[in-house]
Amino acid sequence: MIVRKGDFYFSLVLDFICVFVFTTSFSFPIEAAIFPQLSSALLFVLSSFLMFASFKGKSEGTNTANKKGFKYTSAILLIVGFVVYTLLVNLLGYILTTLALVYYTIFVIGYRKQKWLIITSIVSVALTYAIFGLLLGVPLPVSFITRLIQG
């Protein structure tokens, strides 16, 4: 039996976070508590599956990521991209910065087909804007130009 320690510890931390979020959500109003309770319960189940899966495996196929070599530069570039996104989203607005972030993230991961990158970026931003901005009524950041025009 092979234990993938990274998966085990990651799932253990996720389980603790899920329990914390679930128990904390009981102090919320009933309507506000539903989403954190459902999402933390689902994440708890999925991370528990990961924990149990970390005990399985064959010695040959467990380190496929290590055979290719983990690219630290990609991870660092993604972190930098998320930090820049966080800094710019209130200045440039949700739509523009999220389009750039989705495109950048997919590009850093390794996909290079421009048509696919553009379509995926536009569709994902349109879907998230429709869900959060229109359906749920969550106020999303707008650009400084829009704020100047609206007063």
Protein backbone atom coordinates (compact mmCIF):
# COMPACT_ATOMS: atom_id res chain seq x y z
CA MET A 1 0.00 0.00 0.00
CA ILE A 2 1.30 3.42 -1.01
CA VAL A 3 0.33 6.52 0.92
CA ARG A 4 0.43 9.73 -1.06
CA LYS A 5 1.24 12.07 1.79
CA GLY A 6 0.48 15.29 -0.07
CA ASP A 7 -3.07 14.13 -0.90
CA PHE A 8 -3.61 12.88 2.63
CA TYR A 9 -2.48 16.09 4.34
CA PHE A 10 -4.31 18.30 1.86
CA SER A 11 -7.56 16.41 2.39
CA LEU A 12 -7.06 16.51 6.15
CA VAL A 13 -6.69 20.30 6.10
CA LEU A 14 -9.75 20.60 3.83
CA ASP A 15 -11.79 18.44 6.19
CA PHE A 16 -10.90 20.68 9.15
CA ILE A 17 -11.81 23.79 7.15
CA CYS A 18 -15.12 22.19 6.14
CA VAL A 19 -16.00 21.36 9.73
CA PHE A 20 -15.10 24.90 10.80
CA VAL A 21 -17.21 26.50 8.05
CA PHE A 22 -20.12 24.14 8.69
CA THR A 23 -20.21 24.79 12.43
CA THR A 24 -19.65 28.53 12.03
CA SER A 25 -22.53 28.79 9.55
CA PHE A 26 -25.06 27.95 12.28
CA SER A 27 -24.59 31.48 13.61
CA PHE A 28 -25.79 32.89 10.26
CA PRO A 29 -29.42 33.63 9.41
CA ILE A 30 -31.16 30.55 8.03
CA GLU A 31 -31.19 31.77 4.43
CA ALA A 32 -27.53 32.75 4.54
CA ALA A 33 -26.43 29.48 6.17
CA ILE A 34 -27.70 27.16 3.44
CA PHE A 35 -24.93 27.75 0.91
CA PRO A 36 -21.95 27.42 3.30
CA GLN A 37 -23.48 24.32 4.87
CA LEU A 38 -24.14 22.60 1.54
CA SER A 39 -20.82 23.54 0.00
CA SER A 40 -18.78 22.59 3.07
CA ALA A 41 -20.62 19.27 3.38
CA LEU A 42 -19.99 18.49 -0.30
CA LEU A 43 -16.35 19.51 -0.04
CA PHE A 44 -15.99 17.38 3.11
CA VAL A 45 -17.28 14.31 1.25
CA LEU A 46 -15.01 14.93 -1.74
CA SER A 47 -11.92 15.57 0.37
CA SER A 48 -12.69 12.43 2.38
CA PHE A 49 -12.70 10.48 -0.89
CA LEU A 50 -9.31 12.01 -1.64
CA MET A 51 -8.07 10.98 1.79
CA PHE A 52 -9.14 7.37 1.30
CA ALA A 53 -7.77 7.37 -2.25
CA SER A 54 -4.40 8.49 -0.93
CA PHE A 55 -4.01 5.05 0.68
CA LYS A 56 -4.52 3.22 -2.60
CA GLY A 57 -2.31 2.96 -5.60
CA LYS A 58 0.36 1.05 -7.34
CA SER A 59 4.02 1.87 -7.01
CA GLU A 60 4.34 2.43 -10.78
CA GLY A 61 1.67 5.04 -11.39
CA THR A 62 1.64 7.13 -8.26
CA ASN A 63 4.24 9.69 -9.28
CA THR A 64 3.21 10.53 -12.84
CA ALA A 65 3.50 14.23 -12.07
CA ASN A 66 7.05 13.75 -10.84
CA LYS A 67 8.04 11.91 -14.04
CA LYS A 68 7.19 14.95 -16.13
CA GLY A 69 8.59 17.31 -13.53
CA PHE A 70 6.54 19.84 -11.64
CA LYS A 71 6.82 23.30 -13.13
CA TYR A 72 7.33 25.74 -10.29
CA THR A 73 7.44 28.60 -12.75
CA SER A 74 3.85 27.89 -13.82
CA ALA A 75 2.68 27.86 -10.21
CA ILE A 76 4.48 31.10 -9.47
CA LEU A 77 3.09 32.72 -12.63
CA LEU A 78 -0.43 31.69 -11.65
CA ILE A 79 -0.02 33.12 -8.16
CA VAL A 80 1.29 36.38 -9.64
CA GLY A 81 -1.67 36.43 -12.03
CA PHE A 82 -4.17 36.04 -9.18
CA VAL A 83 -2.48 38.79 -7.16
CA VAL A 84 -2.53 41.16 -10.14
CA TYR A 85 -6.18 40.26 -10.75
CA THR A 86 -7.02 41.08 -7.14
CA LEU A 87 -5.29 44.43 -7.41
CA LEU A 88 -6.89 45.40 -10.73
CA VAL A 89 -10.45 44.08 -10.47
CA ASN A 90 -11.78 47.16 -8.65
CA LEU A 91 -9.96 49.49 -11.02
CA LEU A 92 -10.73 47.87 -14.37
CA GLY A 93 -13.94 46.04 -13.49
CA TYR A 94 -15.02 42.43 -13.32
CA ILE A 95 -15.54 41.70 -17.00
CA LEU A 96 -12.23 42.98 -18.36
CA THR A 97 -10.01 41.64 -15.58
CA THR A 98 -11.73 38.25 -15.46
CA LEU A 99 -11.42 37.87 -19.23
CA ALA A 100 -7.71 38.56 -18.90
CA LEU A 101 -7.34 36.22 -15.91
CA VAL A 102 -9.09 33.27 -17.57
CA TYR A 103 -7.08 33.74 -20.77
CA TYR A 104 -3.82 34.10 -18.80
CA THR A 105 -4.53 31.08 -16.59
CA ILE A 106 -5.29 28.78 -19.49
CA PHE A 107 -2.25 30.08 -21.37
CA VAL A 108 0.08 29.49 -18.41
CA ILE A 109 -1.30 25.98 -17.96
CA GLY A 110 -0.13 25.21 -21.48
CA TYR A 111 -2.93 25.59 -24.01
CA ARG A 112 -1.91 27.72 -26.96
CA LYS A 113 -4.80 27.67 -29.46
CA GLN A 114 -5.91 31.30 -29.61
CA LYS A 115 -9.43 30.56 -30.82
CA TRP A 116 -10.02 28.14 -27.93
CA LEU A 117 -8.51 30.55 -25.39
CA ILE A 118 -10.71 33.44 -26.51
CA ILE A 119 -13.91 31.39 -26.69
CA THR A 120 -13.32 29.81 -23.28
CA SER A 121 -12.58 33.18 -21.71
CA ILE A 122 -15.68 34.84 -23.14
CA VAL A 123 -18.02 31.95 -22.30
CA SER A 124 -16.75 31.57 -18.73
CA VAL A 125 -17.01 35.30 -18.01
CA ALA A 126 -20.46 35.48 -19.61
CA LEU A 127 -21.68 32.52 -17.53
CA THR A 128 -20.30 33.79 -14.25
CA TYR A 129 -21.61 37.30 -14.93
CA ALA A 130 -25.05 35.92 -15.79
CA ILE A 131 -25.15 33.75 -12.67
CA PHE A 132 -23.76 36.20 -10.13
CA GLY A 133 -24.60 39.58 -11.65
CA LEU A 134 -28.00 38.93 -13.19
CA LEU A 135 -29.49 35.83 -11.55
CA LEU A 136 -28.23 36.23 -7.98
CA GLY A 137 -27.94 40.02 -8.03
CA VAL A 138 -24.41 40.10 -6.63
CA PRO A 139 -22.84 43.51 -7.29
CA LEU A 140 -19.73 42.90 -9.36
CA PRO A 141 -16.91 45.47 -9.61
CA VAL A 142 -17.21 47.98 -12.44
CA SER A 143 -14.39 49.95 -14.03
CA PHE A 144 -13.38 53.38 -12.88
CA ILE A 145 -14.62 54.80 -16.21
CA THR A 146 -18.09 53.41 -15.57
CA ARG A 147 -18.04 54.87 -12.06
CA LEU A 148 -17.04 58.28 -13.47
CA ILE A 149 -19.83 58.18 -16.04
CA GLN A 150 -22.47 57.08 -13.55
CA GLY A 151 -21.37 59.72 -11.06
